[in-house]
Amino acid sequence: MDWRDLAKDHFQSAQTLLFAGHWRSAVSRAYYSSYCGVTWKALQKGPLTFAVGYQNPSHEAIPGLIRNKCVTPGPEANSLIESCVLLRYFRVEADYKPHISIDEGLARDVLREARLVLSALGVS
């Protein structure tokens, strides 16, 4: 299994959770699918250096990986960065803020955004 496989697995899990009515968990898995997709794509361009003791990039590093390793800088990179920042925002809302409402419509929108990110990265 590699990061691309993880991206696919997390996205499939997000879909399953969405259809089962577990919207918070679906949002969380959708974010992680994009995180794994970015990591996979960045590793295709060469090795990455992670913080001591880690075998994965920090969440904060994802925009830089997109810009520097995943796509040509410009509008496409900016769009992917915006999408990943948005996905992470909703993941934090879903995972750490129980007072925030996460409904089916929002979960569907998040999965749609994650699907676009994965498609742009070549994860299918």
PDB file of N, CA and C in Angstrom:
ATOM      1  N   MET A   1       0.856  -1.184   0.000  1.00  0.00           N
ATOM      2  CA  MET A   1       0.000   0.000   0.000  1.00  0.00           C
ATOM      3  C   MET A   1       0.892   1.234   0.000  1.00  0.00           C
ATOM      4  N   ASP A   2       0.490   2.251  -0.747  1.00  0.00           N
ATOM      5  CA  ASP A   2       1.211   3.522  -0.750  1.00  0.00           C
ATOM      6  C   ASP A   2       0.226   4.663  -0.471  1.00  0.00           C
ATOM      7  N   TRP A   3       0.726   5.893  -0.557  1.00  0.00           N
ATOM      8  CA  TRP A   3      -0.118   7.054  -0.251  1.00  0.00           C
ATOM      9  C   TRP A   3      -1.304   7.165  -1.204  1.00  0.00           C
ATOM     10  N   ARG A   4      -1.115   6.754  -2.443  1.00  0.00           N
ATOM     11  CA  ARG A   4      -2.235   6.792  -3.405  1.00  0.00           C
ATOM     12  C   ARG A   4      -3.323   5.809  -2.981  1.00  0.00           C
ATOM     13  N   ASP A   5      -2.906   4.610  -2.568  1.00  0.00           N
ATOM     14  CA  ASP A   5      -3.866   3.628  -2.081  1.00  0.00           C
ATOM     15  C   ASP A   5      -4.607   4.152  -0.848  1.00  0.00           C
ATOM     16  N   LEU A   6      -3.863   4.825   0.036  1.00  0.00           N
ATOM     17  CA  LEU A   6      -4.508   5.408   1.220  1.00  0.00           C
ATOM     18  C   LEU A   6      -5.526   6.477   0.823  1.00  0.00           C
ATOM     19  N   ALA A   7      -5.163   7.293  -0.166  1.00  0.00           N
ATOM     20  CA  ALA A   7      -6.092   8.335  -0.631  1.00  0.00           C
ATOM     21  C   ALA A   7      -7.392   7.703  -1.124  1.00  0.00           C
ATOM     22  N   LYS A   8      -7.261   6.654  -1.929  1.00  0.00           N
ATOM     23  CA  LYS A   8      -8.446   5.968  -2.444  1.00  0.00           C
ATOM     24  C   LYS A   8      -9.254   5.343  -1.311  1.00  0.00           C
ATOM     25  N   ASP A   9      -8.561   4.699  -0.380  1.00  0.00           N
ATOM     26  CA  ASP A   9      -9.239   4.044   0.735  1.00  0.00           C
ATOM     27  C   ASP A   9     -10.001   5.050   1.590  1.00  0.00           C
ATOM     28  N   HIS A  10      -9.349   6.162   1.910  1.00  0.00           N
ATOM     29  CA  HIS A  10     -10.029   7.189   2.718  1.00  0.00           C
ATOM     30  C   HIS A  10     -11.234   7.762   1.985  1.00  0.00           C
ATOM     31  N   PHE A  11     -11.111   7.944   0.675  1.00  0.00           N
ATOM     32  CA  PHE A  11     -12.249   8.492  -0.061  1.00  0.00           C
ATOM     33  C   PHE A  11     -13.405   7.498  -0.102  1.00  0.00           C
ATOM     34  N   GLN A  12     -13.097   6.228  -0.334  1.00  0.00           N
ATOM     35  CA  GLN A  12     -14.148   5.213  -0.324  1.00  0.00           C
ATOM     36  C   GLN A  12     -14.806   5.124   1.052  1.00  0.00           C
ATOM     37  N   SER A  13     -13.997   5.235   2.096  1.00  0.00           N
ATOM     38  CA  SER A  13     -14.549   5.238   3.457  1.00  0.00           C
ATOM     39  C   SER A  13     -15.457   6.441   3.667  1.00  0.00           C
ATOM     40  N   ALA A  14     -15.041   7.595   3.154  1.00  0.00           N
ATOM     41  CA  ALA A  14     -15.857   8.802   3.279  1.00  0.00           C
ATOM     42  C   ALA A  14     -17.215   8.603   2.607  1.00  0.00           C
ATOM     43  N   GLN A  15     -17.214   7.987   1.434  1.00  0.00           N
ATOM     44  CA  GLN A  15     -18.480   7.725   0.740  1.00  0.00           C
ATOM     45  C   GLN A  15     -19.365   6.774   1.545  1.00  0.00           C
ATOM     46  N   THR A  16     -18.770   5.726   2.065  1.00  0.00           N
ATOM     47  CA  THR A  16     -19.526   4.761   2.868  1.00  0.00           C
ATOM     48  C   THR A  16     -20.122   5.438   4.099  1.00  0.00           C
ATOM     49  N   LEU A  17     -19.330   6.245   4.757  1.00  0.00           N
ATOM     50  CA  LEU A  17     -19.796   6.948   5.953  1.00  0.00           C
ATOM     51  C   LEU A  17     -20.899   7.956   5.611  1.00  0.00           C
ATOM     52  N   LEU A  18     -20.760   8.628   4.487  1.00  0.00           N
ATOM     53  CA  LEU A  18     -21.792   9.570   4.049  1.00  0.00           C
ATOM     54  C   LEU A  18     -23.124   8.855   3.875  1.00  0.00           C
ATOM     55  N   PHE A  19     -23.110   7.749   3.155  1.00  0.00           N
ATOM     56  CA  PHE A  19     -24.350   7.019   2.886  1.00  0.00           C
ATOM     57  C   PHE A  19     -24.944   6.391   4.142  1.00  0.00           C
ATOM     58  N   ALA A  20     -24.094   6.156   5.153  1.00  0.00           N
ATOM     59  CA  ALA A  20     -24.563   5.587   6.418  1.00  0.00           C
ATOM     60  C   ALA A  20     -25.023   6.670   7.394  1.00  0.00           C
ATOM     61  N   GLY A  21     -24.915   7.933   6.992  1.00  0.00           N
ATOM     62  CA  GLY A  21     -25.367   9.033   7.845  1.00  0.00           C
ATOM     63  C   GLY A  21     -24.355   9.495   8.877  1.00  0.00           C
ATOM     64  N   HIS A  22     -23.104   9.083   8.737  1.00  0.00           N
ATOM     65  CA  HIS A  22     -22.037   9.508   9.649  1.00  0.00           C
ATOM     66  C   HIS A  22     -21.291  10.678   9.000  1.00  0.00           C
ATOM     67  N   TRP A  23     -21.943  11.817   9.006  1.00  0.00           N
ATOM     68  CA  TRP A  23     -21.455  12.952   8.230  1.00  0.00           C
ATOM     69  C   TRP A  23     -20.146  13.522   8.755  1.00  0.00           C
ATOM     70  N   ARG A  24     -19.986  13.605  10.063  1.00  0.00           N
ATOM     71  CA  ARG A  24     -18.726  14.114  10.611  1.00  0.00           C
ATOM     72  C   ARG A  24     -17.550  13.237  10.196  1.00  0.00           C
ATOM     73  N   SER A  25     -17.722  11.959  10.337  1.00  0.00           N
ATOM     74  CA  SER A  25     -16.644  11.036   9.974  1.00  0.00           C
ATOM     75  C   SER A  25     -16.393  11.058   8.468  1.00  0.00           C
ATOM     76  N   ALA A  26     -17.422  11.241   7.685  1.00  0.00           N
ATOM     77  CA  ALA A  26     -17.256  11.345   6.235  1.00  0.00           C
ATOM     78  C   ALA A  26     -16.411  12.558   5.877  1.00  0.00           C
ATOM     79  N   VAL A  27     -16.672  13.674   6.536  1.00  0.00           N
ATOM     80  CA  VAL A  27     -15.896  14.897   6.303  1.00  0.00           C
ATOM     81  C   VAL A  27     -14.431  14.669   6.666  1.00  0.00           C
ATOM     82  N   SER A  28     -14.196  14.032   7.785  1.00  0.00           N
ATOM     83  CA  SER A  28     -12.834  13.765   8.229  1.00  0.00           C
ATOM     84  C   SER A  28     -12.081  12.892   7.227  1.00  0.00           C
ATOM     85  N   ARG A  29     -12.701  11.817   6.783  1.00  0.00           N
ATOM     86  CA  ARG A  29     -12.053  10.912   5.829  1.00  0.00           C
ATOM     87  C   ARG A  29     -11.843  11.591   4.481  1.00  0.00           C
ATOM     88  N   ALA A  30     -12.759  12.462   4.087  1.00  0.00           N
ATOM     89  CA  ALA A  30     -12.602  13.178   2.819  1.00  0.00           C
ATOM     90  C   ALA A  30     -11.349  14.055   2.863  1.00  0.00           C
ATOM     91  N   TYR A  31     -11.150  14.745   3.984  1.00  0.00           N
ATOM     92  CA  TYR A  31      -9.928  15.556   4.115  1.00  0.00           C
ATOM     93  C   TYR A  31      -8.696  14.668   3.998  1.00  0.00           C
ATOM     94  N   TYR A  32      -8.693  13.575   4.742  1.00  0.00           N
ATOM     95  CA  TYR A  32      -7.516  12.714   4.728  1.00  0.00           C
ATOM     96  C   TYR A  32      -7.259  12.111   3.358  1.00  0.00           C
ATOM     97  N   SER A  33      -8.291  11.913   2.571  1.00  0.00           N
ATOM     98  CA  SER A  33      -8.061  11.419   1.211  1.00  0.00           C
ATOM     99  C   SER A  33      -7.257  12.445   0.414  1.00  0.00           C
ATOM    100  N   SER A  34      -7.587  13.718   0.568  1.00  0.00           N
ATOM    101  CA  SER A  34      -6.842  14.751  -0.162  1.00  0.00           C
ATOM    102  C   SER A  34      -5.421  14.887   0.386  1.00  0.00           C
ATOM    103  N   TYR A  35      -5.261  14.813   1.704  1.00  0.00           N
ATOM    104  CA  TYR A  35      -3.943  14.870   2.336  1.00  0.00           C
ATOM    105  C   TYR A  35      -3.048  13.756   1.778  1.00  0.00           C
ATOM    106  N   CYS A  36      -3.579  12.549   1.711  1.00  0.00           N
ATOM    107  CA  CYS A  36      -2.818  11.414   1.184  1.00  0.00           C
ATOM    108  C   CYS A  36      -2.534  11.583  -0.304  1.00  0.00           C
ATOM    109  N   GLY A  37      -3.500  12.122  -1.036  1.00  0.00           N
ATOM    110  CA  GLY A  37      -3.297  12.368  -2.461  1.00  0.00           C
ATOM    111  C   GLY A  37      -2.177  13.358  -2.720  1.00  0.00           C
ATOM    112  N   VAL A  38      -2.139  14.429  -1.949  1.00  0.00           N
ATOM    113  CA  VAL A  38      -1.070  15.430  -2.097  1.00  0.00           C
ATOM    114  C   VAL A  38       0.275  14.793  -1.747  1.00  0.00           C
ATOM    115  N   THR A  39       0.312  14.033  -0.670  1.00  0.00           N
ATOM    116  CA  THR A  39       1.560  13.387  -0.264  1.00  0.00           C
ATOM    117  C   THR A  39       2.060  12.445  -1.354  1.00  0.00           C
ATOM    118  N   TRP A  40       1.157  11.647  -1.917  1.00  0.00           N
ATOM    119  CA  TRP A  40       1.528  10.732  -3.002  1.00  0.00           C
ATOM    120  C   TRP A  40       2.100  11.496  -4.197  1.00  0.00           C
ATOM    121  N   LYS A  41       1.383  12.527  -4.628  1.00  0.00           N
ATOM    122  CA  LYS A  41       1.814  13.284  -5.806  1.00  0.00           C
ATOM    123  C   LYS A  41       3.166  13.947  -5.563  1.00  0.00           C
ATOM    124  N   ALA A  42       3.363  14.497  -4.377  1.00  0.00           N
ATOM    125  CA  ALA A  42       4.632  15.156  -4.057  1.00  0.00           C
ATOM    126  C   ALA A  42       5.783  14.149  -4.074  1.00  0.00           C
ATOM    127  N   LEU A  43       5.547  12.954  -3.570  1.00  0.00           N
ATOM    128  CA  LEU A  43       6.593  11.925  -3.562  1.00  0.00           C
ATOM    129  C   LEU A  43       6.948  11.450  -4.976  1.00  0.00           C
ATOM    130  N   GLN A  44       6.038  11.630  -5.931  1.00  0.00           N
ATOM    131  CA  GLN A  44       6.338  11.264  -7.313  1.00  0.00           C
ATOM    132  C   GLN A  44       7.436  12.155  -7.891  1.00  0.00           C
ATOM    133  N   LYS A  45       7.591  13.345  -7.330  1.00  0.00           N
ATOM    134  CA  LYS A  45       8.594  14.298  -7.814  1.00  0.00           C
ATOM    135  C   LYS A  45       9.937  14.135  -7.111  1.00  0.00           C
ATOM    136  N   GLY A  46      10.015  13.213  -6.174  1.00  0.00           N
ATOM    137  CA  GLY A  46      11.272  12.978  -5.464  1.00  0.00           C
ATOM    138  C   GLY A  46      11.034  12.845  -3.975  1.00  0.00           C
ATOM    139  N   PRO A  47      12.080  12.466  -3.264  1.00  0.00           N
ATOM    140  CA  PRO A  47      11.923  12.238  -1.816  1.00  0.00           C
ATOM    141  C   PRO A  47      11.565  13.522  -1.074  1.00  0.00           C
ATOM    142  N   LEU A  48      10.903  13.332   0.040  1.00  0.00           N
ATOM    143  CA  LEU A  48      10.517  14.447   0.904  1.00  0.00           C
ATOM    144  C   LEU A  48      11.201  14.289   2.251  1.00  0.00           C
ATOM    145  N   THR A  49      11.448  15.395   2.905  1.00  0.00           N
ATOM    146  CA  THR A  49      11.996  15.388   4.253  1.00  0.00           C
ATOM    147  C   THR A  49      10.882  15.750   5.214  1.00  0.00           C
ATOM    148  N   PHE A  50      10.719  14.922   6.237  1.00  0.00           N
ATOM    149  CA  PHE A  50       9.679  15.157   7.236  1.00  0.00           C
ATOM    150  C   PHE A  50      10.321  15.546   8.560  1.00  0.00           C
ATOM    151  N   ALA A  51       9.511  16.066   9.455  1.00  0.00           N
ATOM    152  CA  ALA A  51       9.994  16.425  10.786  1.00  0.00           C
ATOM    153  C   ALA A  51      10.549  15.168  11.470  1.00  0.00           C
ATOM    154  N   VAL A  52      11.494  15.369  12.348  1.00  0.00           N
ATOM    155  CA  VAL A  52      12.123  14.261  13.058  1.00  0.00           C
ATOM    156  C   VAL A  52      11.060  13.395  13.727  1.00  0.00           C
ATOM    157  N   GLY A  53      11.133  12.106  13.464  1.00  0.00           N
ATOM    158  CA  GLY A  53      10.199  11.163  14.065  1.00  0.00           C
ATOM    159  C   GLY A  53       8.925  10.938  13.279  1.00  0.00           C
ATOM    160  N   TYR A  54       8.742  11.648  12.184  1.00  0.00           N
ATOM    161  CA  TYR A  54       7.523  11.515  11.388  1.00  0.00           C
ATOM    162  C   TYR A  54       7.836  10.899  10.036  1.00  0.00           C
ATOM    163  N   GLN A  55       6.855  10.201   9.486  1.00  0.00           N
ATOM    164  CA  GLN A  55       6.992   9.613   8.157  1.00  0.00           C
ATOM    165  C   GLN A  55       5.956  10.199   7.203  1.00  0.00           C
ATOM    166  N   ASN A  56       5.479  11.377   7.538  1.00  0.00           N
ATOM    167  CA  ASN A  56       4.470  12.050   6.731  1.00  0.00           C
ATOM    168  C   ASN A  56       4.617  13.564   6.921  1.00  0.00           C
ATOM    169  N   PRO A  57       4.099  14.333   5.965  1.00  0.00           N
ATOM    170  CA  PRO A  57       4.184  15.793   6.098  1.00  0.00           C
ATOM    171  C   PRO A  57       3.208  16.326   7.146  1.00  0.00           C
ATOM    172  N   SER A  58       3.538  17.470   7.688  1.00  0.00           N
ATOM    173  CA  SER A  58       2.591  18.137   8.590  1.00  0.00           C
ATOM    174  C   SER A  58       1.416  18.648   7.767  1.00  0.00           C
ATOM    175  N   HIS A  59       0.319  18.871   8.416  1.00  0.00           N
ATOM    176  CA  HIS A  59      -0.845  19.413   7.708  1.00  0.00           C
ATOM    177  C   HIS A  59      -0.543  20.807   7.170  1.00  0.00           C
ATOM    178  N   GLU A  60       0.259  21.542   7.908  1.00  0.00           N
ATOM    179  CA  GLU A  60       0.616  22.894   7.482  1.00  0.00           C
ATOM    180  C   GLU A  60       1.487  22.895   6.219  1.00  0.00           C
ATOM    181  N   ALA A  61       2.168  21.773   5.961  1.00  0.00           N
ATOM    182  CA  ALA A  61       3.060  21.688   4.809  1.00  0.00           C
ATOM    183  C   ALA A  61       2.326  21.426   3.495  1.00  0.00           C
ATOM    184  N   ILE A  62       1.069  21.037   3.566  1.00  0.00           N
ATOM    185  CA  ILE A  62       0.336  20.636   2.357  1.00  0.00           C
ATOM    186  C   ILE A  62       0.286  21.744   1.296  1.00  0.00           C
ATOM    187  N   PRO A  63      -0.034  22.999   1.642  1.00  0.00           N
ATOM    188  CA  PRO A  63      -0.033  24.037   0.585  1.00  0.00           C
ATOM    189  C   PRO A  63       1.315  24.180  -0.120  1.00  0.00           C
ATOM    190  N   GLY A  64       2.407  24.117   0.634  1.00  0.00           N
ATOM    191  CA  GLY A  64       3.727  24.222   0.023  1.00  0.00           C
ATOM    192  C   GLY A  64       4.047  23.039  -0.873  1.00  0.00           C
ATOM    193  N   LEU A  65       3.620  21.854  -0.461  1.00  0.00           N
ATOM    194  CA  LEU A  65       3.832  20.682  -1.308  1.00  0.00           C
ATOM    195  C   LEU A  65       3.061  20.813  -2.616  1.00  0.00           C
ATOM    196  N   ILE A  66       1.863  21.317  -2.535  1.00  0.00           N
ATOM    197  CA  ILE A  66       1.076  21.515  -3.760  1.00  0.00           C
ATOM    198  C   ILE A  66       1.803  22.481  -4.688  1.00  0.00           C
ATOM    199  N   ARG A  67       2.220  23.590  -4.119  1.00  0.00           N
ATOM    200  CA  ARG A  67       2.853  24.641  -4.925  1.00  0.00           C
ATOM    201  C   ARG A  67       4.202  24.197  -5.488  1.00  0.00           C
ATOM    202  N   ASN A  68       4.986  23.480  -4.696  1.00  0.00           N
ATOM    203  CA  ASN A  68       6.361  23.182  -5.085  1.00  0.00           C
ATOM    204  C   ASN A  68       6.584  21.799  -5.687  1.00  0.00           C
ATOM    205  N   LYS A  69       5.642  20.883  -5.475  1.00  0.00           N
ATOM    206  CA  LYS A  69       5.893  19.516  -5.916  1.00  0.00           C
ATOM    207  C   LYS A  69       4.758  18.897  -6.736  1.00  0.00           C
ATOM    208  N   CYS A  70       3.563  19.406  -6.619  1.00  0.00           N
ATOM    209  CA  CYS A  70       2.419  18.699  -7.215  1.00  0.00           C
ATOM    210  C   CYS A  70       2.004  19.218  -8.578  1.00  0.00           C
ATOM    211  N   VAL A  71       1.915  20.507  -8.715  1.00  0.00           N
ATOM    212  CA  VAL A  71       1.460  21.099  -9.976  1.00  0.00           C
ATOM    213  C   VAL A  71       2.290  22.340 -10.268  1.00  0.00           C
ATOM    214  N   THR A  72       2.226  22.785 -11.493  1.00  0.00           N
ATOM    215  CA  THR A  72       2.908  24.010 -11.880  1.00  0.00           C
ATOM    216  C   THR A  72       2.288  25.182 -11.126  1.00  0.00           C
ATOM    217  N   PRO A  73       3.131  26.033 -10.507  1.00  0.00           N
ATOM    218  CA  PRO A  73       2.573  27.189  -9.806  1.00  0.00           C
ATOM    219  C   PRO A  73       1.673  28.012 -10.722  1.00  0.00           C
ATOM    220  N   GLY A  74       0.611  28.518 -10.163  1.00  0.00           N
ATOM    221  CA  GLY A  74      -0.338  29.307 -10.930  1.00  0.00           C
ATOM    222  C   GLY A  74      -1.748  29.044 -10.462  1.00  0.00           C
ATOM    223  N   PRO A  75      -2.716  29.325 -11.325  1.00  0.00           N
ATOM    224  CA  PRO A  75      -4.118  29.192 -10.922  1.00  0.00           C
ATOM    225  C   PRO A  75      -4.501  27.788 -10.455  1.00  0.00           C
ATOM    226  N   GLU A  76      -3.982  26.749 -11.127  1.00  0.00           N
ATOM    227  CA  GLU A  76      -4.332  25.383 -10.718  1.00  0.00           C
ATOM    228  C   GLU A  76      -3.809  25.092  -9.312  1.00  0.00           C
ATOM    229  N   ALA A  77      -2.577  25.492  -9.041  1.00  0.00           N
ATOM    230  CA  ALA A  77      -2.004  25.299  -7.710  1.00  0.00           C
ATOM    231  C   ALA A  77      -2.804  26.068  -6.667  1.00  0.00           C
ATOM    232  N   ASN A  78      -3.138  27.304  -6.984  1.00  0.00           N
ATOM    233  CA  ASN A  78      -3.904  28.125  -6.041  1.00  0.00           C
ATOM    234  C   ASN A  78      -5.258  27.502  -5.738  1.00  0.00           C
ATOM    235  N   SER A  79      -5.903  26.966  -6.760  1.00  0.00           N
ATOM    236  CA  SER A  79      -7.203  26.336  -6.578  1.00  0.00           C
ATOM    237  C   SER A  79      -7.080  25.086  -5.700  1.00  0.00           C
ATOM    238  N   LEU A  80      -6.063  24.264  -5.942  1.00  0.00           N
ATOM    239  CA  LEU A  80      -5.854  23.070  -5.122  1.00  0.00           C
ATOM    240  C   LEU A  80      -5.549  23.432  -3.678  1.00  0.00           C
ATOM    241  N   ILE A  81      -4.736  24.455  -3.500  1.00  0.00           N
ATOM    242  CA  ILE A  81      -4.412  24.903  -2.144  1.00  0.00           C
ATOM    243  C   ILE A  81      -5.674  25.362  -1.428  1.00  0.00           C
ATOM    244  N   GLU A  82      -6.468  26.176  -2.086  1.00  0.00           N
ATOM    245  CA  GLU A  82      -7.717  26.645  -1.481  1.00  0.00           C
ATOM    246  C   GLU A  82      -8.620  25.476  -1.107  1.00  0.00           C
ATOM    247  N   SER A  83      -8.714  24.505  -1.989  1.00  0.00           N
ATOM    248  CA  SER A  83      -9.552  23.337  -1.712  1.00  0.00           C
ATOM    249  C   SER A  83      -9.037  22.569  -0.500  1.00  0.00           C
ATOM    250  N   CYS A  84      -7.740  22.331  -0.443  1.00  0.00           N
ATOM    251  CA  CYS A  84      -7.182  21.571   0.682  1.00  0.00           C
ATOM    252  C   CYS A  84      -7.296  22.326   1.998  1.00  0.00           C
ATOM    253  N   VAL A  85      -7.109  23.629   1.958  1.00  0.00           N
ATOM    254  CA  VAL A  85      -7.290  24.440   3.172  1.00  0.00           C
ATOM    255  C   VAL A  85      -8.743  24.357   3.635  1.00  0.00           C
ATOM    256  N   LEU A  86      -9.660  24.441   2.705  1.00  0.00           N
ATOM    257  CA  LEU A  86     -11.084  24.342   3.035  1.00  0.00           C
ATOM    258  C   LEU A  86     -11.422  22.962   3.596  1.00  0.00           C
ATOM    259  N   LEU A  87     -10.915  21.916   2.973  1.00  0.00           N
ATOM    260  CA  LEU A  87     -11.168  20.558   3.456  1.00  0.00           C
ATOM    261  C   LEU A  87     -10.623  20.382   4.873  1.00  0.00           C
ATOM    262  N   ARG A  88      -9.441  20.912   5.119  1.00  0.00           N
ATOM    263  CA  ARG A  88      -8.878  20.795   6.471  1.00  0.00           C
ATOM    264  C   ARG A  88      -9.722  21.576   7.480  1.00  0.00           C
ATOM    265  N   TYR A  89     -10.162  22.747   7.093  1.00  0.00           N
ATOM    266  CA  TYR A  89     -11.019  23.545   7.973  1.00  0.00           C
ATOM    267  C   TYR A  89     -12.245  22.737   8.413  1.00  0.00           C
ATOM    268  N   PHE A  90     -12.921  22.130   7.454  1.00  0.00           N
ATOM    269  CA  PHE A  90     -14.120  21.367   7.798  1.00  0.00           C
ATOM    270  C   PHE A  90     -13.782  20.096   8.571  1.00  0.00           C
ATOM    271  N   ARG A  91     -12.615  19.507   8.319  1.00  0.00           N
ATOM    272  CA  ARG A  91     -12.194  18.349   9.110  1.00  0.00           C
ATOM    273  C   ARG A  91     -12.026  18.743  10.568  1.00  0.00           C
ATOM    274  N   VAL A  92     -11.401  19.877  10.827  1.00  0.00           N
ATOM    275  CA  VAL A  92     -11.229  20.360  12.203  1.00  0.00           C
ATOM    276  C   VAL A  92     -12.591  20.649  12.830  1.00  0.00           C
ATOM    277  N   GLU A  93     -13.471  21.273  12.071  1.00  0.00           N
ATOM    278  CA  GLU A  93     -14.826  21.541  12.582  1.00  0.00           C
ATOM    279  C   GLU A  93     -15.526  20.232  12.958  1.00  0.00           C
ATOM    280  N   ALA A  94     -15.438  19.252  12.077  1.00  0.00           N
ATOM    281  CA  ALA A  94     -16.131  17.981  12.298  1.00  0.00           C
ATOM    282  C   ALA A  94     -15.529  17.185  13.449  1.00  0.00           C
ATOM    283  N   ASP A  95     -14.207  17.213  13.568  1.00  0.00           N
ATOM    284  CA  ASP A  95     -13.544  16.375  14.569  1.00  0.00           C
ATOM    285  C   ASP A  95     -13.452  16.999  15.952  1.00  0.00           C
ATOM    286  N   TYR A  96     -13.370  18.302  16.035  1.00  0.00           N
ATOM    287  CA  TYR A  96     -13.053  18.935  17.318  1.00  0.00           C
ATOM    288  C   TYR A  96     -14.087  19.919  17.841  1.00  0.00           C
ATOM    289  N   LYS A  97     -15.149  20.136  17.103  1.00  0.00           N
ATOM    290  CA  LYS A  97     -16.146  21.120  17.531  1.00  0.00           C
ATOM    291  C   LYS A  97     -17.537  20.497  17.501  1.00  0.00           C
ATOM    292  N   PRO A  98     -17.881  19.761  18.550  1.00  0.00           N
ATOM    293  CA  PRO A  98     -19.173  19.063  18.542  1.00  0.00           C
ATOM    294  C   PRO A  98     -20.374  19.997  18.478  1.00  0.00           C
ATOM    295  N   HIS A  99     -20.205  21.256  18.869  1.00  0.00           N
ATOM    296  CA  HIS A  99     -21.320  22.203  18.840  1.00  0.00           C
ATOM    297  C   HIS A  99     -21.609  22.726  17.427  1.00  0.00           C
ATOM    298  N   ILE A 100     -20.693  22.486  16.488  1.00  0.00           N
ATOM    299  CA  ILE A 100     -20.886  22.909  15.108  1.00  0.00           C
ATOM    300  C   ILE A 100     -21.717  21.846  14.381  1.00  0.00           C
ATOM    301  N   SER A 101     -22.708  22.288  13.635  1.00  0.00           N
ATOM    302  CA  SER A 101     -23.562  21.361  12.903  1.00  0.00           C
ATOM    303  C   SER A 101     -22.887  20.920  11.600  1.00  0.00           C
ATOM    304  N   ILE A 102     -22.800  19.624  11.423  1.00  0.00           N
ATOM    305  CA  ILE A 102     -22.316  19.040  10.166  1.00  0.00           C
ATOM    306  C   ILE A 102     -23.475  18.226   9.613  1.00  0.00           C
ATOM    307  N   ASP A 103     -24.086  18.711   8.543  1.00  0.00           N
ATOM    308  CA  ASP A 103     -25.249  18.006   8.004  1.00  0.00           C
ATOM    309  C   ASP A 103     -24.889  17.286   6.705  1.00  0.00           C
ATOM    310  N   GLU A 104     -25.852  16.598   6.161  1.00  0.00           N
ATOM    311  CA  GLU A 104     -25.628  15.814   4.960  1.00  0.00           C
ATOM    312  C   GLU A 104     -25.185  16.673   3.780  1.00  0.00           C
ATOM    313  N   GLY A 105     -25.789  17.839   3.626  1.00  0.00           N
ATOM    314  CA  GLY A 105     -25.430  18.716   2.513  1.00  0.00           C
ATOM    315  C   GLY A 105     -23.979  19.151   2.572  1.00  0.00           C
ATOM    316  N   LEU A 106     -23.532  19.527   3.765  1.00  0.00           N
ATOM    317  CA  LEU A 106     -22.133  19.932   3.922  1.00  0.00           C
ATOM    318  C   LEU A 106     -21.207  18.747   3.643  1.00  0.00           C
ATOM    319  N   ALA A 107     -21.551  17.591   4.176  1.00  0.00           N
ATOM    320  CA  ALA A 107     -20.726  16.402   3.944  1.00  0.00           C
ATOM    321  C   ALA A 107     -20.625  16.093   2.449  1.00  0.00           C
ATOM    322  N   ARG A 108     -21.729  16.200   1.743  1.00  0.00           N
ATOM    323  CA  ARG A 108     -21.705  15.958   0.288  1.00  0.00           C
ATOM    324  C   ARG A 108     -20.811  16.972  -0.429  1.00  0.00           C
ATOM    325  N   ASP A 109     -20.896  18.230  -0.016  1.00  0.00           N
ATOM    326  CA  ASP A 109     -20.056  19.267  -0.620  1.00  0.00           C
ATOM    327  C   ASP A 109     -18.574  18.994  -0.373  1.00  0.00           C
ATOM    328  N   VAL A 110     -18.256  18.563   0.838  1.00  0.00           N
ATOM    329  CA  VAL A 110     -16.863  18.260   1.177  1.00  0.00           C
ATOM    330  C   VAL A 110     -16.357  17.083   0.344  1.00  0.00           C
ATOM    331  N   LEU A 111     -17.158  16.051   0.208  1.00  0.00           N
ATOM    332  CA  LEU A 111     -16.740  14.912  -0.610  1.00  0.00           C
ATOM    333  C   LEU A 111     -16.570  15.309  -2.077  1.00  0.00           C
ATOM    334  N   ARG A 112     -17.437  16.168  -2.556  1.00  0.00           N
ATOM    335  CA  ARG A 112     -17.320  16.644  -3.932  1.00  0.00           C
ATOM    336  C   ARG A 112     -15.991  17.397  -4.108  1.00  0.00           C
ATOM    337  N   GLU A 113     -15.652  18.219  -3.143  1.00  0.00           N
ATOM    338  CA  GLU A 113     -14.397  18.974  -3.206  1.00  0.00           C
ATOM    339  C   GLU A 113     -13.194  18.024  -3.158  1.00  0.00           C
ATOM    340  N   ALA A 114     -13.258  17.021  -2.290  1.00  0.00           N
ATOM    341  CA  ALA A 114     -12.165  16.050  -2.198  1.00  0.00           C
ATOM    342  C   ALA A 114     -12.015  15.280  -3.503  1.00  0.00           C
ATOM    343  N   ARG A 115     -13.124  14.930  -4.132  1.00  0.00           N
ATOM    344  CA  ARG A 115     -13.077  14.223  -5.414  1.00  0.00           C
ATOM    345  C   ARG A 115     -12.372  15.081  -6.466  1.00  0.00           C
ATOM    346  N   LEU A 116     -12.647  16.375  -6.477  1.00  0.00           N
ATOM    347  CA  LEU A 116     -11.995  17.278  -7.430  1.00  0.00           C
ATOM    348  C   LEU A 116     -10.486  17.344  -7.179  1.00  0.00           C
ATOM    349  N   VAL A 117     -10.101  17.401  -5.913  1.00  0.00           N
ATOM    350  CA  VAL A 117      -8.676  17.437  -5.567  1.00  0.00           C
ATOM    351  C   VAL A 117      -7.994  16.155  -6.057  1.00  0.00           C
ATOM    352  N   LEU A 118      -8.587  15.015  -5.732  1.00  0.00           N
ATOM    353  CA  LEU A 118      -7.993  13.737  -6.136  1.00  0.00           C
ATOM    354  C   LEU A 118      -7.885  13.624  -7.648  1.00  0.00           C
ATOM    355  N   SER A 119      -8.898  14.084  -8.341  1.00  0.00           N
ATOM    356  CA  SER A 119      -8.883  14.044  -9.803  1.00  0.00           C
ATOM    357  C   SER A 119      -7.763  14.922 -10.354  1.00  0.00           C
ATOM    358  N   ALA A 120      -7.614  16.123  -9.818  1.00  0.00           N
ATOM    359  CA  ALA A 120      -6.565  17.042 -10.280  1.00  0.00           C
ATOM    360  C   ALA A 120      -5.171  16.484 -10.025  1.00  0.00           C
ATOM    361  N   LEU A 121      -5.051  15.657  -8.981  1.00  0.00           N
ATOM    362  CA  LEU A 121      -3.745  15.076  -8.643  1.00  0.00           C
ATOM    363  C   LEU A 121      -3.455  13.786  -9.404  1.00  0.00           C
ATOM    364  N   GLY A 122      -4.461  13.265 -10.097  1.00  0.00           N
ATOM    365  CA  GLY A 122      -4.281  12.017 -10.827  1.00  0.00           C
ATOM    366  C   GLY A 122      -4.540  10.773 -10.003  1.00  0.00           C
ATOM    367  N   VAL A 123      -5.222  10.954  -8.887  1.00  0.00           N
ATOM    368  CA  VAL A 123      -5.626   9.806  -8.057  1.00  0.00           C
ATOM    369  C   VAL A 123      -7.024   9.443  -8.504  1.00  0.00           C
ATOM    370  N   SER A 124      -7.192   8.246  -9.031  1.00  0.00           N
ATOM    371  CA  SER A 124      -8.533   7.880  -9.505  1.00  0.00           C
ATOM    372  C   SER A 124      -8.994   6.587  -8.884  1.00  0.00           C
TER     373      SER A 124
END
